[in-house]
Amino acid sequence: MRGARWLVLGAVAGAGVAATTTLAGAQGVPTVAVTASATSVSVTGPVAAGPTRFQVTRQGSGDLSVYFALLLPGVTVEDLRSELERDDRTRSDASLGLVSIQASVSLAGAESPRAVTFTTKPGLTYVVLSERDQEDGGNRVRPRGITTFTTGAASGASAAAPDATVRMRGLRFRGARTLPRRGTIRVTNEDGVAHFALAFPLRRGVNSARLGRALRSNSEAAFGRVVAGAPYMVQNLISGGRTANDNEVRFTRAGRYGLVCFVYEHNRLGMYRIVTVR
């Protein structure tokens, strides 16, 4: 699963992600504890079907991403593990074609825990994978944690309405233009391809046209002239179409931000948008 590599290499060019504090979960939605490191991940079950809040706590140091995925029909966990290792050696992303990523979180800096809520379906087996966000040297196989859980009957819970909704559709960000500084942002992926949403604070006077030129330039220097600090991860990687995550966010400051998706250079195809955080 190489979404974190897109983040580090294609997006922030070494900048750290701003830290957050997890907010309280939605009323009535069960919380499931997930403990993750660069080499292991565990889920405290059982997990009922329906809206479920997964609170991920990191063990150890280093930036870490955790993914919740469904295997495509006919794919086994060992198939996925083998393809991930092949991706490591060949620096490719073929493993993304074996899964539908239903949710993911990134824990960076001092940030831990962090929670995400998504709707699990009854009687399905989900794969949970953890890995470091940074590239390892060479084309060596990376350490990872992989586990699974199978959902039971529906819990009967219902998720609270989010404070704002961001929609990913047609390689564009749509929906709310104003996001809460502290609250819940629902992000929906309606494309069927992988996306994420990284929010960069913008310098004064930067408009959409200028942001777009910087993103299309593929120049770190040009991009550095439009951003005003470290980015905030609103939504880590999700794929598969009609997936939705409720992300508990805490921006370090209000202001104007550029939402950007760098997956497969979607930024150069117009997948960016200026939003206001209040």
C-alpha atoms as a PDB file:
ATOM      1  CA  MET A   1       0.000   0.000   0.000  1.00  0.00           C
ATOM      2  CA  ARG A   2       1.948   2.973  -1.248  1.00  0.00           C
ATOM      3  CA  GLY A   3      -0.419   5.901  -0.566  1.00  0.00           C
ATOM      4  CA  ALA A   4       1.863   7.182   2.159  1.00  0.00           C
ATOM      5  CA  ARG A   5       4.725   7.282  -0.322  1.00  0.00           C
ATOM      6  CA  TRP A   6       2.709   9.491  -2.657  1.00  0.00           C
ATOM      7  CA  LEU A   7       2.112  11.751   0.324  1.00  0.00           C
ATOM      8  CA  VAL A   8       5.733  12.060   1.345  1.00  0.00           C
ATOM      9  CA  LEU A   9       7.401  12.114  -2.060  1.00  0.00           C
ATOM     10  CA  GLY A  10       4.866  13.926  -4.200  1.00  0.00           C
ATOM     11  CA  ALA A  11       3.240  16.272  -1.756  1.00  0.00           C
ATOM     12  CA  VAL A  12       5.034  17.724   1.208  1.00  0.00           C
ATOM     13  CA  ALA A  13       8.674  17.381   0.139  1.00  0.00           C
ATOM     14  CA  GLY A  14       9.826  16.799   3.692  1.00  0.00           C
ATOM     15  CA  ALA A  15       7.349  19.003   5.582  1.00  0.00           C
ATOM     16  CA  GLY A  16       5.742  17.464   8.679  1.00  0.00           C
ATOM     17  CA  VAL A  17       2.005  17.008   9.076  1.00  0.00           C
ATOM     18  CA  ALA A  18       0.491  19.167  11.796  1.00  0.00           C
ATOM     19  CA  ALA A  19      -0.472  17.296  14.957  1.00  0.00           C
ATOM     20  CA  THR A  20      -4.061  16.782  16.053  1.00  0.00           C
ATOM     21  CA  THR A  21      -6.003  15.686  19.093  1.00  0.00           C
ATOM     22  CA  THR A  22      -8.766  13.113  18.741  1.00  0.00           C
ATOM     23  CA  LEU A  23     -12.271  14.400  19.420  1.00  0.00           C
ATOM     24  CA  ALA A  24     -15.049  12.481  21.121  1.00  0.00           C
ATOM     25  CA  GLY A  25     -16.819   9.848  19.008  1.00  0.00           C
ATOM     26  CA  ALA A  26     -20.348  10.223  17.686  1.00  0.00           C
ATOM     27  CA  GLN A  27     -23.029   9.315  20.197  1.00  0.00           C
ATOM     28  CA  GLY A  28     -24.222   5.732  19.879  1.00  0.00           C
ATOM     29  CA  VAL A  29     -21.449   4.677  17.498  1.00  0.00           C
ATOM     30  CA  PRO A  30     -19.240   1.918  18.969  1.00  0.00           C
ATOM     31  CA  THR A  31     -15.520   2.612  19.280  1.00  0.00           C
ATOM     32  CA  VAL A  32     -13.013  -0.111  18.403  1.00  0.00           C
ATOM     33  CA  ALA A  33      -9.407   0.212  19.581  1.00  0.00           C
ATOM     34  CA  VAL A  34      -6.614  -0.360  17.062  1.00  0.00           C
ATOM     35  CA  THR A  35      -2.970  -0.516  18.138  1.00  0.00           C
ATOM     36  CA  ALA A  36      -0.409  -0.139  15.369  1.00  0.00           C
ATOM     37  CA  SER A  37       3.332   0.020  14.804  1.00  0.00           C
ATOM     38  CA  ALA A  38       5.611  -0.321  11.798  1.00  0.00           C
ATOM     39  CA  THR A  39       5.644  -4.103  12.215  1.00  0.00           C
ATOM     40  CA  SER A  40       2.338  -5.058  13.842  1.00  0.00           C
ATOM     41  CA  VAL A  41      -1.311  -4.066  14.102  1.00  0.00           C
ATOM     42  CA  SER A  42      -4.122  -5.409  16.283  1.00  0.00           C
ATOM     43  CA  VAL A  43      -7.869  -4.787  16.500  1.00  0.00           C
ATOM     44  CA  THR A  44      -9.769  -5.164  19.766  1.00  0.00           C
ATOM     45  CA  GLY A  45     -12.964  -6.942  18.702  1.00  0.00           C
ATOM     46  CA  PRO A  46     -15.621  -7.978  18.182  1.00  0.00           C
ATOM     47  CA  VAL A  47     -16.633  -5.556  15.411  1.00  0.00           C
ATOM     48  CA  ALA A  48     -20.326  -5.210  14.595  1.00  0.00           C
ATOM     49  CA  ALA A  49     -21.584  -4.073  11.208  1.00  0.00           C
ATOM     50  CA  GLY A  50     -22.654  -0.458  10.830  1.00  0.00           C
ATOM     51  CA  PRO A  51     -21.038   2.892  11.631  1.00  0.00           C
ATOM     52  CA  THR A  52     -17.927   2.137  13.675  1.00  0.00           C
ATOM     53  CA  ARG A  53     -15.350   4.494  15.126  1.00  0.00           C
ATOM     54  CA  PHE A  54     -11.832   3.074  14.921  1.00  0.00           C
ATOM     55  CA  GLN A  55      -9.430   4.793  17.308  1.00  0.00           C
ATOM     56  CA  VAL A  56      -5.871   4.118  16.202  1.00  0.00           C
ATOM     57  CA  THR A  57      -3.031   4.400  18.722  1.00  0.00           C
ATOM     58  CA  ARG A  58       0.555   4.272  17.547  1.00  0.00           C
ATOM     59  CA  GLN A  59       3.273   2.304  19.298  1.00  0.00           C
ATOM     60  CA  GLY A  60       6.841   3.451  18.787  1.00  0.00           C
ATOM     61  CA  SER A  61       8.067   6.471  16.871  1.00  0.00           C
ATOM     62  CA  GLY A  62       7.939   7.550  13.257  1.00  0.00           C
ATOM     63  CA  ASP A  63       5.067   8.616  11.028  1.00  0.00           C
ATOM     64  CA  LEU A  64       2.631   5.775  10.410  1.00  0.00           C
ATOM     65  CA  SER A  65      -0.376   5.032   8.203  1.00  0.00           C
ATOM     66  CA  VAL A  66      -3.084   2.447   8.907  1.00  0.00           C
ATOM     67  CA  TYR A  67      -5.416   1.175   6.180  1.00  0.00           C
ATOM     68  CA  PHE A  68      -8.741  -0.701   6.412  1.00  0.00           C
ATOM     69  CA  ALA A  69      -9.433  -2.581   3.186  1.00  0.00           C
ATOM     70  CA  LEU A  70     -11.617  -5.200   1.544  1.00  0.00           C
ATOM     71  CA  LEU A  71      -9.917  -7.757  -0.683  1.00  0.00           C
ATOM     72  CA  LEU A  72     -11.307  -8.064  -4.194  1.00  0.00           C
ATOM     73  CA  PRO A  73     -13.002 -11.410  -5.020  1.00  0.00           C
ATOM     74  CA  GLY A  74     -10.506 -14.246  -5.318  1.00  0.00           C
ATOM     75  CA  VAL A  75      -7.681 -12.349  -3.582  1.00  0.00           C
ATOM     76  CA  THR A  76      -6.226 -13.765  -0.357  1.00  0.00           C
ATOM     77  CA  VAL A  77      -4.243 -12.055   2.377  1.00  0.00           C
ATOM     78  CA  GLU A  78      -1.162 -13.924   1.198  1.00  0.00           C
ATOM     79  CA  ASP A  79      -1.771 -12.672  -2.351  1.00  0.00           C
ATOM     80  CA  LEU A  80      -1.836  -9.129  -0.998  1.00  0.00           C
ATOM     81  CA  ARG A  81       1.279  -9.639   1.104  1.00  0.00           C
ATOM     82  CA  SER A  82       3.180 -11.058  -1.879  1.00  0.00           C
ATOM     83  CA  GLU A  83       2.104  -8.193  -4.143  1.00  0.00           C
ATOM     84  CA  LEU A  84       3.116  -5.613  -1.554  1.00  0.00           C
ATOM     85  CA  GLU A  85       6.564  -7.177  -1.351  1.00  0.00           C
ATOM     86  CA  ARG A  86       6.792  -7.221  -5.150  1.00  0.00           C
ATOM     87  CA  ASP A  87       5.816  -3.547  -5.182  1.00  0.00           C
ATOM     88  CA  ASP A  88       8.627  -2.821  -2.744  1.00  0.00           C
ATOM     89  CA  ARG A  89      11.184  -4.486  -4.983  1.00  0.00           C
ATOM     90  CA  THR A  90       9.891  -2.945  -8.234  1.00  0.00           C
ATOM     91  CA  ARG A  91       8.696   0.418  -6.818  1.00  0.00           C
ATOM     92  CA  SER A  92       5.239  -0.069  -8.317  1.00  0.00           C
ATOM     93  CA  ASP A  93       1.665   0.134  -6.994  1.00  0.00           C
ATOM     94  CA  ALA A  94       0.047  -3.042  -8.315  1.00  0.00           C
ATOM     95  CA  SER A  95      -1.181  -3.991  -4.836  1.00  0.00           C
ATOM     96  CA  LEU A  96      -3.759  -1.194  -5.012  1.00  0.00           C
ATOM     97  CA  GLY A  97      -5.531  -3.234  -7.685  1.00  0.00           C
ATOM     98  CA  LEU A  98      -6.168  -6.057  -5.205  1.00  0.00           C
ATOM     99  CA  VAL A  99      -8.100  -4.084  -2.586  1.00  0.00           C
ATOM    100  CA  SER A 100     -10.787  -1.506  -1.962  1.00  0.00           C
ATOM    101  CA  ILE A 101      -9.514   0.828   0.775  1.00  0.00           C
ATOM    102  CA  GLN A 102     -12.507   1.672   2.943  1.00  0.00           C
ATOM    103  CA  ALA A 103     -10.722   3.939   5.420  1.00  0.00           C
ATOM    104  CA  SER A 104      -7.266   5.030   6.508  1.00  0.00           C
ATOM    105  CA  VAL A 105      -5.541   7.339   8.957  1.00  0.00           C
ATOM    106  CA  SER A 106      -2.100   8.891   9.168  1.00  0.00           C
ATOM    107  CA  LEU A 107      -0.369   9.537  12.489  1.00  0.00           C
ATOM    108  CA  ALA A 108       2.479  12.014  12.246  1.00  0.00           C
ATOM    109  CA  GLY A 109       4.684  13.849  14.704  1.00  0.00           C
ATOM    110  CA  ALA A 110       3.205  13.719  18.190  1.00  0.00           C
ATOM    111  CA  GLU A 111      -0.232  12.823  16.845  1.00  0.00           C
ATOM    112  CA  SER A 112      -1.709   9.738  18.511  1.00  0.00           C
ATOM    113  CA  PRO A 113      -4.355   8.499  18.785  1.00  0.00           C
ATOM    114  CA  ARG A 114      -6.455   9.458  15.773  1.00  0.00           C
ATOM    115  CA  ALA A 115      -9.941   8.213  14.942  1.00  0.00           C
ATOM    116  CA  VAL A 116     -11.940   7.590  11.787  1.00  0.00           C
ATOM    117  CA  THR A 117     -15.539   6.399  11.478  1.00  0.00           C
ATOM    118  CA  PHE A 118     -16.838   4.378   8.542  1.00  0.00           C
ATOM    119  CA  THR A 119     -19.694   1.964   7.932  1.00  0.00           C
ATOM    120  CA  THR A 120     -18.688  -1.686   7.976  1.00  0.00           C
ATOM    121  CA  LYS A 121     -20.840  -4.288   6.237  1.00  0.00           C
ATOM    122  CA  PRO A 122     -22.096  -7.500   7.881  1.00  0.00           C
ATOM    123  CA  GLY A 123     -20.251 -10.781   7.487  1.00  0.00           C
ATOM    124  CA  LEU A 124     -17.227  -9.380   5.626  1.00  0.00           C
ATOM    125  CA  THR A 125     -13.549  -9.814   6.402  1.00  0.00           C
ATOM    126  CA  TYR A 126     -11.519  -6.609   6.494  1.00  0.00           C
ATOM    127  CA  VAL A 127      -7.742  -6.407   6.217  1.00  0.00           C
ATOM    128  CA  VAL A 128      -5.965  -3.886   8.449  1.00  0.00           C
ATOM    129  CA  LEU A 129      -2.447  -2.874   7.418  1.00  0.00           C
ATOM    130  CA  SER A 130       0.093  -0.590   9.083  1.00  0.00           C
ATOM    131  CA  GLU A 131       3.319   0.777   7.637  1.00  0.00           C
ATOM    132  CA  ARG A 132       5.701   3.686   8.014  1.00  0.00           C
ATOM    133  CA  ASP A 133       5.067   6.732   5.843  1.00  0.00           C
ATOM    134  CA  GLN A 134       8.655   7.281   4.744  1.00  0.00           C
ATOM    135  CA  GLU A 135      10.507   5.489   1.969  1.00  0.00           C
ATOM    136  CA  ASP A 136      13.050   2.865   2.952  1.00  0.00           C
ATOM    137  CA  GLY A 137      16.423   2.896   1.236  1.00  0.00           C
ATOM    138  CA  GLY A 138      16.812   0.856  -1.933  1.00  0.00           C
ATOM    139  CA  ASN A 139      14.224  -1.594  -3.230  1.00  0.00           C
ATOM    140  CA  ARG A 140      14.020  -3.693  -0.102  1.00  0.00           C
ATOM    141  CA  VAL A 141      10.864  -5.260   1.309  1.00  0.00           C
ATOM    142  CA  ARG A 142       9.369  -2.982   3.935  1.00  0.00           C
ATOM    143  CA  PRO A 143       8.192  -4.182   7.361  1.00  0.00           C
ATOM    144  CA  ARG A 144       4.419  -4.057   7.863  1.00  0.00           C
ATOM    145  CA  GLY A 145       1.717  -5.130  10.227  1.00  0.00           C
ATOM    146  CA  ILE A 146      -1.252  -7.044   8.777  1.00  0.00           C
ATOM    147  CA  THR A 147      -4.294  -8.481  10.533  1.00  0.00           C
ATOM    148  CA  THR A 148      -7.957  -9.151   9.755  1.00  0.00           C
ATOM    149  CA  PHE A 149     -11.343  -8.937  11.438  1.00  0.00           C
ATOM    150  CA  THR A 150     -14.756 -10.228  10.385  1.00  0.00           C
ATOM    151  CA  THR A 151     -17.864  -8.207  11.132  1.00  0.00           C
ATOM    152  CA  GLY A 152     -20.890  -9.568  12.920  1.00  0.00           C
ATOM    153  CA  ALA A 153     -24.530  -8.504  12.865  1.00  0.00           C
ATOM    154  CA  ALA A 154     -25.550  -4.861  12.586  1.00  0.00           C
ATOM    155  CA  SER A 155     -25.092  -2.795  15.733  1.00  0.00           C
ATOM    156  CA  GLY A 156     -28.107  -0.585  15.063  1.00  0.00           C
ATOM    157  CA  ALA A 157     -25.982   2.539  15.527  1.00  0.00           C
ATOM    158  CA  SER A 158     -26.332   5.622  13.378  1.00  0.00           C
ATOM    159  CA  ALA A 159     -23.599   8.162  12.741  1.00  0.00           C
ATOM    160  CA  ALA A 160     -24.143  11.786  13.690  1.00  0.00           C
ATOM    161  CA  ALA A 161     -24.303  14.345  10.895  1.00  0.00           C
ATOM    162  CA  PRO A 162     -20.834  15.743  10.106  1.00  0.00           C
ATOM    163  CA  ASP A 163     -19.950  19.406  10.402  1.00  0.00           C
ATOM    164  CA  ALA A 164     -18.987  19.478   6.715  1.00  0.00           C
ATOM    165  CA  THR A 165     -18.826  17.109   3.745  1.00  0.00           C
ATOM    166  CA  VAL A 166     -16.132  17.034   1.064  1.00  0.00           C
ATOM    167  CA  ARG A 167     -16.873  14.990  -2.069  1.00  0.00           C
ATOM    168  CA  MET A 168     -14.249  13.557  -4.412  1.00  0.00           C
ATOM    169  CA  ARG A 169     -15.808  13.214  -7.834  1.00  0.00           C
ATOM    170  CA  GLY A 170     -14.579  13.557 -11.404  1.00  0.00           C
ATOM    171  CA  LEU A 171     -11.014  14.247 -10.186  1.00  0.00           C
ATOM    172  CA  ARG A 172     -12.314  17.295  -8.362  1.00  0.00           C
ATOM    173  CA  PHE A 173     -13.052  18.304  -4.774  1.00  0.00           C
ATOM    174  CA  ARG A 174     -16.704  19.268  -4.380  1.00  0.00           C
ATOM    175  CA  GLY A 175     -19.036  19.980  -1.478  1.00  0.00           C
ATOM    176  CA  ALA A 176     -18.275  22.294   1.426  1.00  0.00           C
ATOM    177  CA  ARG A 177     -15.962  25.256   0.907  1.00  0.00           C
ATOM    178  CA  THR A 178     -15.903  26.004   4.638  1.00  0.00           C
ATOM    179  CA  LEU A 179     -14.506  23.424   7.042  1.00  0.00           C
ATOM    180  CA  PRO A 180     -14.529  23.348  10.844  1.00  0.00           C
ATOM    181  CA  ARG A 181     -11.291  24.000  12.655  1.00  0.00           C
ATOM    182  CA  ARG A 182     -12.426  21.449  15.223  1.00  0.00           C
ATOM    183  CA  GLY A 183     -15.126  18.960  14.335  1.00  0.00           C
ATOM    184  CA  THR A 184     -15.978  16.143  11.939  1.00  0.00           C
ATOM    185  CA  ILE A 185     -15.447  16.243   8.188  1.00  0.00           C
ATOM    186  CA  ARG A 186     -17.067  13.535   6.087  1.00  0.00           C
ATOM    187  CA  VAL A 187     -15.051  12.753   2.949  1.00  0.00           C
ATOM    188  CA  THR A 188     -16.670  10.672   0.215  1.00  0.00           C
ATOM    189  CA  ASN A 189     -14.867   9.081  -2.722  1.00  0.00           C
ATOM    190  CA  GLU A 190     -17.304   8.707  -5.609  1.00  0.00           C
ATOM    191  CA  ASP A 191     -14.732   8.045  -8.343  1.00  0.00           C
ATOM    192  CA  GLY A 192     -13.721   4.419  -7.779  1.00  0.00           C
ATOM    193  CA  VAL A 193     -10.018   5.329  -7.905  1.00  0.00           C
ATOM    194  CA  ALA A 194      -7.695   6.146  -5.026  1.00  0.00           C
ATOM    195  CA  HIS A 195      -7.680   9.696  -3.600  1.00  0.00           C
ATOM    196  CA  PHE A 196      -6.611  11.536  -0.480  1.00  0.00           C
ATOM    197  CA  ALA A 197      -7.106  15.107   0.763  1.00  0.00           C
ATOM    198  CA  LEU A 198      -4.136  17.030   2.110  1.00  0.00           C
ATOM    199  CA  ALA A 199      -4.747  20.616   3.282  1.00  0.00           C
ATOM    200  CA  PHE A 200      -1.946  23.169   2.852  1.00  0.00           C
ATOM    201  CA  PRO A 201      -2.168  26.593   4.545  1.00  0.00           C
ATOM    202  CA  LEU A 202      -1.846  29.231   1.823  1.00  0.00           C
ATOM    203  CA  ARG A 203       0.090  32.468   1.720  1.00  0.00           C
ATOM    204  CA  ARG A 204      -1.841  35.716   1.606  1.00  0.00           C
ATOM    205  CA  GLY A 205      -3.163  36.543  -1.853  1.00  0.00           C
ATOM    206  CA  VAL A 206      -2.845  33.057  -3.343  1.00  0.00           C
ATOM    207  CA  ASN A 207      -5.863  32.308  -5.535  1.00  0.00           C
ATOM    208  CA  SER A 208      -6.963  29.136  -7.311  1.00  0.00           C
ATOM    209  CA  ALA A 209      -5.183  30.021 -10.556  1.00  0.00           C
ATOM    210  CA  ARG A 210      -1.854  30.589  -8.826  1.00  0.00           C
ATOM    211  CA  LEU A 211      -2.204  27.412  -6.771  1.00  0.00           C
ATOM    212  CA  GLY A 212      -2.973  25.464  -9.929  1.00  0.00           C
ATOM    213  CA  ARG A 213       0.087  26.807 -11.755  1.00  0.00           C
ATOM    214  CA  ALA A 214       2.322  25.836  -8.843  1.00  0.00           C
ATOM    215  CA  LEU A 215       0.864  22.334  -8.704  1.00  0.00           C
ATOM    216  CA  ARG A 216       1.216  21.791 -12.453  1.00  0.00           C
ATOM    217  CA  SER A 217       4.796  23.053 -12.459  1.00  0.00           C
ATOM    218  CA  ASN A 218       6.056  20.017 -10.540  1.00  0.00           C
ATOM    219  CA  SER A 219       8.492  22.427  -8.871  1.00  0.00           C
ATOM    220  CA  GLU A 220       9.062  22.268  -5.119  1.00  0.00           C
ATOM    221  CA  ALA A 221      10.298  25.868  -5.178  1.00  0.00           C
ATOM    222  CA  ALA A 222       7.152  27.127  -6.936  1.00  0.00           C
ATOM    223  CA  PHE A 223       4.926  25.203  -4.567  1.00  0.00           C
ATOM    224  CA  GLY A 224       6.847  26.549  -1.594  1.00  0.00           C
ATOM    225  CA  ARG A 225       6.024  30.098  -2.693  1.00  0.00           C
ATOM    226  CA  VAL A 226       2.272  29.513  -2.355  1.00  0.00           C
ATOM    227  CA  VAL A 227       2.075  27.471   0.867  1.00  0.00           C
ATOM    228  CA  ALA A 228       2.523  28.938   4.333  1.00  0.00           C
ATOM    229  CA  GLY A 229       3.464  25.954   6.462  1.00  0.00           C
ATOM    230  CA  ALA A 230       3.128  22.248   7.083  1.00  0.00           C
ATOM    231  CA  PRO A 231       0.053  20.474   5.678  1.00  0.00           C
ATOM    232  CA  TYR A 232      -2.782  18.826   7.587  1.00  0.00           C
ATOM    233  CA  MET A 233      -4.049  15.394   6.557  1.00  0.00           C
ATOM    234  CA  VAL A 234      -7.830  15.696   6.293  1.00  0.00           C
ATOM    235  CA  GLN A 235      -8.270  12.315   4.586  1.00  0.00           C
ATOM    236  CA  ASN A 236      -5.723   9.585   4.023  1.00  0.00           C
ATOM    237  CA  LEU A 237      -6.099   7.162   1.122  1.00  0.00           C
ATOM    238  CA  ILE A 238      -9.530   5.746   0.229  1.00  0.00           C
ATOM    239  CA  SER A 239     -10.589   3.929  -2.949  1.00  0.00           C
ATOM    240  CA  GLY A 240     -13.210   1.636  -4.384  1.00  0.00           C
ATOM    241  CA  GLY A 241     -15.991   4.106  -5.104  1.00  0.00           C
ATOM    242  CA  ARG A 242     -18.771   5.292  -2.792  1.00  0.00           C
ATOM    243  CA  THR A 243     -16.510   5.055   0.231  1.00  0.00           C
ATOM    244  CA  ALA A 244     -16.923   7.559   3.057  1.00  0.00           C
ATOM    245  CA  ASN A 245     -14.906   8.431   6.151  1.00  0.00           C
ATOM    246  CA  ASP A 246     -15.864  10.695   9.047  1.00  0.00           C
ATOM    247  CA  ASN A 247     -12.598  12.305  10.109  1.00  0.00           C
ATOM    248  CA  GLU A 248     -12.247  13.984  13.490  1.00  0.00           C
ATOM    249  CA  VAL A 249     -10.112  17.031  12.778  1.00  0.00           C
ATOM    250  CA  ARG A 250      -8.324  19.688  14.752  1.00  0.00           C
ATOM    251  CA  PHE A 251      -6.537  22.235  12.582  1.00  0.00           C
ATOM    252  CA  THR A 252      -3.814  24.182  14.349  1.00  0.00           C
ATOM    253  CA  ARG A 253      -5.153  27.445  12.937  1.00  0.00           C
ATOM    254  CA  ALA A 254      -7.990  28.937  10.935  1.00  0.00           C
ATOM    255  CA  GLY A 255      -7.500  30.428   7.497  1.00  0.00           C
ATOM    256  CA  ARG A 256      -7.409  29.544   3.810  1.00  0.00           C
ATOM    257  CA  TYR A 257      -6.127  26.132   2.777  1.00  0.00           C
ATOM    258  CA  GLY A 258      -5.533  24.357  -0.497  1.00  0.00           C
ATOM    259  CA  LEU A 259      -7.002  20.842  -0.575  1.00  0.00           C
ATOM    260  CA  VAL A 260      -4.852  18.696  -2.873  1.00  0.00           C
ATOM    261  CA  CYS A 261      -4.797  15.081  -4.075  1.00  0.00           C
ATOM    262  CA  PHE A 262      -1.363  14.001  -5.358  1.00  0.00           C
ATOM    263  CA  VAL A 263      -2.248  10.375  -6.142  1.00  0.00           C
ATOM    264  CA  TYR A 264      -1.132   9.525  -9.692  1.00  0.00           C
ATOM    265  CA  GLU A 265      -0.510  13.281 -10.201  1.00  0.00           C
ATOM    266  CA  HIS A 266      -4.210  14.114  -9.817  1.00  0.00           C
ATOM    267  CA  ASN A 267      -3.014  17.557  -8.695  1.00  0.00           C
ATOM    268  CA  ARG A 268      -1.830  18.257 -12.252  1.00  0.00           C
ATOM    269  CA  LEU A 269      -5.242  17.184 -13.580  1.00  0.00           C
ATOM    270  CA  GLY A 270      -7.115  19.745 -11.484  1.00  0.00           C
ATOM    271  CA  MET A 271      -7.770  17.937  -8.221  1.00  0.00           C
ATOM    272  CA  TYR A 272      -7.262  20.888  -5.877  1.00  0.00           C
ATOM    273  CA  ARG A 273      -9.544  23.418  -4.241  1.00  0.00           C
ATOM    274  CA  ILE A 274      -9.248  26.385  -1.910  1.00  0.00           C
ATOM    275  CA  VAL A 275     -11.313  26.099   1.286  1.00  0.00           C
ATOM    276  CA  THR A 276     -11.702  28.231   4.400  1.00  0.00           C
ATOM    277  CA  VAL A 277     -11.197  26.745   7.869  1.00  0.00           C
ATOM    278  CA  ARG A 278     -13.161  28.512  10.645  1.00  0.00           C
END
